[in-house]
N, C-alpha and C. Protein backbone atom coordinates (compact mmCIF):
# COMPACT_ATOMS: atom_id res chain seq x y z
N MET A 1 199.12 64.20 28.99
CA MET A 1 198.38 64.15 30.24
C MET A 1 196.89 64.13 29.90
N HIS A 2 196.17 63.29 30.57
CA HIS A 2 194.74 63.14 30.31
C HIS A 2 193.95 63.98 31.31
N VAL A 3 192.86 64.57 30.83
CA VAL A 3 191.98 65.39 31.68
C VAL A 3 190.63 64.70 31.77
N TYR A 4 190.18 64.47 32.99
CA TYR A 4 188.88 63.86 33.24
C TYR A 4 187.94 64.92 33.82
N THR A 5 186.65 64.81 33.51
CA THR A 5 185.68 65.64 34.22
C THR A 5 185.45 64.99 35.58
N TYR A 6 184.86 65.73 36.47
CA TYR A 6 184.57 65.21 37.80
C TYR A 6 183.72 63.94 37.70
N SER A 7 182.70 63.98 36.85
CA SER A 7 181.81 62.82 36.69
C SER A 7 182.56 61.61 36.15
N GLU A 8 183.42 61.83 35.14
CA GLU A 8 184.21 60.72 34.60
C GLU A 8 185.13 60.14 35.66
N ALA A 9 185.72 61.02 36.45
CA ALA A 9 186.65 60.56 37.50
C ALA A 9 185.93 59.67 38.50
N ARG A 10 184.72 60.04 38.87
CA ARG A 10 183.95 59.21 39.81
C ARG A 10 183.64 57.85 39.21
N GLN A 11 183.27 57.83 37.95
CA GLN A 11 182.86 56.58 37.30
C GLN A 11 184.04 55.69 36.94
N LYS A 12 185.17 56.29 36.66
CA LYS A 12 186.32 55.53 36.16
C LYS A 12 187.53 55.66 37.09
N LEU A 13 187.30 55.58 38.36
CA LEU A 13 188.38 55.80 39.32
C LEU A 13 189.55 54.84 39.11
N ALA A 14 189.28 53.57 38.92
CA ALA A 14 190.37 52.60 38.73
C ALA A 14 191.19 52.94 37.50
N GLU A 15 190.53 53.29 36.40
CA GLU A 15 191.24 53.68 35.17
C GLU A 15 192.07 54.94 35.41
N LEU A 16 191.50 55.89 36.12
CA LEU A 16 192.18 57.15 36.42
C LEU A 16 193.45 56.90 37.23
N LEU A 17 193.37 56.04 38.24
CA LEU A 17 194.54 55.72 39.06
C LEU A 17 195.61 55.01 38.24
N ASP A 18 195.19 54.07 37.38
CA ASP A 18 196.14 53.35 36.52
C ASP A 18 196.85 54.32 35.57
N ARG A 19 196.08 55.24 34.99
CA ARG A 19 196.68 56.20 34.06
C ARG A 19 197.65 57.13 34.77
N ALA A 20 197.29 57.56 35.98
CA ALA A 20 198.19 58.41 36.76
C ALA A 20 199.48 57.67 37.08
N ALA A 21 199.37 56.39 37.40
CA ALA A 21 200.56 55.58 37.70
C ALA A 21 201.46 55.45 36.47
N MET A 22 200.85 55.33 35.29
CA MET A 22 201.64 55.17 34.06
C MET A 22 202.24 56.49 33.58
N THR A 23 201.45 57.55 33.61
CA THR A 23 201.90 58.81 33.02
C THR A 23 202.47 59.80 34.03
N GLY A 24 202.17 59.60 35.31
CA GLY A 24 202.71 60.48 36.34
C GLY A 24 201.76 61.57 36.79
N LYS A 25 200.70 61.84 36.01
CA LYS A 25 199.79 62.91 36.40
C LYS A 25 198.50 62.83 35.59
N VAL A 26 197.37 63.07 36.27
CA VAL A 26 196.07 63.14 35.63
C VAL A 26 195.35 64.36 36.20
N LEU A 27 194.65 65.09 35.36
CA LEU A 27 193.89 66.25 35.82
C LEU A 27 192.41 65.91 35.92
N ILE A 28 191.77 66.45 36.94
CA ILE A 28 190.33 66.34 37.11
C ILE A 28 189.79 67.77 37.07
N ARG A 29 188.87 68.03 36.15
CA ARG A 29 188.34 69.38 35.98
C ARG A 29 186.88 69.43 36.41
N ARG A 30 186.56 70.41 37.23
CA ARG A 30 185.17 70.63 37.67
C ARG A 30 184.42 71.50 36.66
N LYS A 31 183.09 71.57 36.83
CA LYS A 31 182.26 72.40 35.96
C LYS A 31 182.65 73.87 36.06
N ASP A 32 183.07 74.31 37.25
CA ASP A 32 183.44 75.72 37.43
C ASP A 32 184.80 76.07 36.84
N GLY A 33 185.46 75.07 36.24
CA GLY A 33 186.74 75.31 35.58
C GLY A 33 187.96 75.02 36.44
N SER A 34 187.77 74.86 37.73
CA SER A 34 188.92 74.55 38.58
C SER A 34 189.39 73.13 38.29
N SER A 35 190.69 72.93 38.37
CA SER A 35 191.22 71.60 38.12
C SER A 35 192.18 71.18 39.21
N PHE A 36 192.28 69.89 39.36
CA PHE A 36 193.08 69.28 40.40
C PHE A 36 193.94 68.20 39.77
N ALA A 37 195.17 68.11 40.22
CA ALA A 37 196.10 67.12 39.68
C ALA A 37 196.14 65.91 40.60
N LEU A 38 196.09 64.75 40.01
CA LEU A 38 196.25 63.50 40.74
C LEU A 38 197.60 62.93 40.32
N VAL A 39 198.51 62.84 41.28
CA VAL A 39 199.86 62.32 40.99
C VAL A 39 200.14 61.16 41.94
N PRO A 40 200.82 60.13 41.44
CA PRO A 40 201.13 59.01 42.31
C PRO A 40 202.14 59.43 43.38
N GLU A 41 201.98 58.89 44.55
CA GLU A 41 202.88 59.18 45.66
C GLU A 41 204.19 58.45 45.45
N LYS A 42 205.29 59.15 45.65
CA LYS A 42 206.60 58.52 45.52
C LYS A 42 206.94 57.85 46.86
N ILE A 43 207.26 56.60 46.77
CA ILE A 43 207.61 55.85 47.97
C ILE A 43 209.13 55.89 48.10
N SER A 44 209.57 56.55 49.13
CA SER A 44 211.02 56.63 49.31
C SER A 44 211.49 55.41 50.08
N GLU A 45 212.54 54.84 49.57
CA GLU A 45 213.12 53.67 50.21
C GLU A 45 214.47 54.04 50.78
N SER A 46 214.78 53.48 51.89
CA SER A 46 216.06 53.73 52.53
C SER A 46 217.16 52.98 51.78
N PRO A 47 218.30 53.63 51.56
CA PRO A 47 219.41 52.91 50.93
C PRO A 47 219.93 51.78 51.82
N LEU A 48 219.54 51.80 53.08
CA LEU A 48 219.96 50.74 54.00
C LEU A 48 218.98 49.57 54.02
N ASP A 49 217.88 49.70 53.29
CA ASP A 49 216.89 48.64 53.23
C ASP A 49 217.31 47.63 52.17
N VAL A 50 218.17 46.71 52.56
CA VAL A 50 218.70 45.70 51.64
C VAL A 50 218.30 44.32 52.13
N PRO A 51 218.19 43.37 51.23
CA PRO A 51 217.83 42.02 51.67
C PRO A 51 218.95 41.41 52.51
N SER A 52 218.55 40.60 53.45
CA SER A 52 219.55 39.96 54.31
C SER A 52 220.08 38.69 53.64
N ILE A 53 221.22 38.25 54.14
CA ILE A 53 221.79 37.00 53.66
C ILE A 53 222.01 36.08 54.86
N ASN A 54 222.07 34.82 54.60
CA ASN A 54 222.29 33.86 55.67
C ASN A 54 223.78 33.52 55.70
N ALA A 55 224.55 34.32 56.44
CA ALA A 55 226.00 34.11 56.53
C ALA A 55 226.30 33.36 57.82
N GLN A 56 227.11 32.37 57.71
CA GLN A 56 227.49 31.59 58.88
C GLN A 56 228.72 32.23 59.52
N ILE A 57 228.55 33.39 60.11
CA ILE A 57 229.64 34.13 60.73
C ILE A 57 229.13 34.73 62.04
N SER A 58 229.98 34.70 63.04
CA SER A 58 229.56 35.19 64.35
C SER A 58 229.78 36.70 64.46
N THR A 59 229.17 37.29 65.45
CA THR A 59 229.36 38.72 65.72
C THR A 59 230.83 39.00 66.01
N ARG A 60 231.45 38.13 66.75
CA ARG A 60 232.87 38.29 67.10
C ARG A 60 233.74 38.34 65.83
N GLU A 61 233.46 37.43 64.87
CA GLU A 61 234.22 37.41 63.63
C GLU A 61 234.02 38.70 62.82
N ILE A 62 232.81 39.21 62.80
CA ILE A 62 232.52 40.47 62.10
C ILE A 62 233.30 41.61 62.73
N VAL A 63 233.28 41.69 64.05
CA VAL A 63 234.01 42.74 64.76
C VAL A 63 235.50 42.64 64.47
N ASP A 64 236.05 41.44 64.47
CA ASP A 64 237.48 41.25 64.17
C ASP A 64 237.82 41.72 62.75
N VAL A 65 236.99 41.40 61.78
CA VAL A 65 237.23 41.82 60.40
C VAL A 65 237.20 43.34 60.30
N VAL A 66 236.24 43.97 60.94
CA VAL A 66 236.15 45.44 60.90
C VAL A 66 237.38 46.05 61.55
N ARG A 67 237.81 45.53 62.68
CA ARG A 67 238.99 46.07 63.38
C ARG A 67 240.25 45.93 62.51
N ARG A 68 240.42 44.77 61.86
CA ARG A 68 241.59 44.59 61.00
C ARG A 68 241.55 45.58 59.84
N GLY A 69 240.37 45.79 59.29
CA GLY A 69 240.24 46.74 58.19
C GLY A 69 240.57 48.17 58.63
N ARG A 70 240.18 48.53 59.82
CA ARG A 70 240.49 49.87 60.33
C ARG A 70 241.98 50.03 60.58
N LYS A 71 242.63 48.98 61.06
CA LYS A 71 244.08 49.05 61.31
C LYS A 71 244.83 49.26 60.01
N ARG A 72 244.42 48.53 58.95
CA ARG A 72 245.09 48.66 57.66
C ARG A 72 244.88 50.05 57.07
N GLY A 73 243.70 50.61 57.25
CA GLY A 73 243.36 51.91 56.68
C GLY A 73 244.07 53.06 57.39
N SER A 74 244.47 52.88 58.64
CA SER A 74 245.09 53.98 59.40
C SER A 74 246.60 54.00 59.30
N SER A 75 247.23 52.99 58.70
CA SER A 75 248.70 52.96 58.65
C SER A 75 249.24 53.77 57.50
């Protein structure tokens, strides 16, 4: 993990952000000794967020397939 001074962080912000993205965490230390962690934000994606496909099937056909599948599963 890399530690930047406050002054370095101001001057090299783009580098600091890139390093945080690569390593997961960067520290910024003030003159008074206090330090702050810069960590990249995790973007949560929905498991339902999938690409669509161009299927030539009607809503009625989809409903029929689902109903047949439910009938087979309940017997």
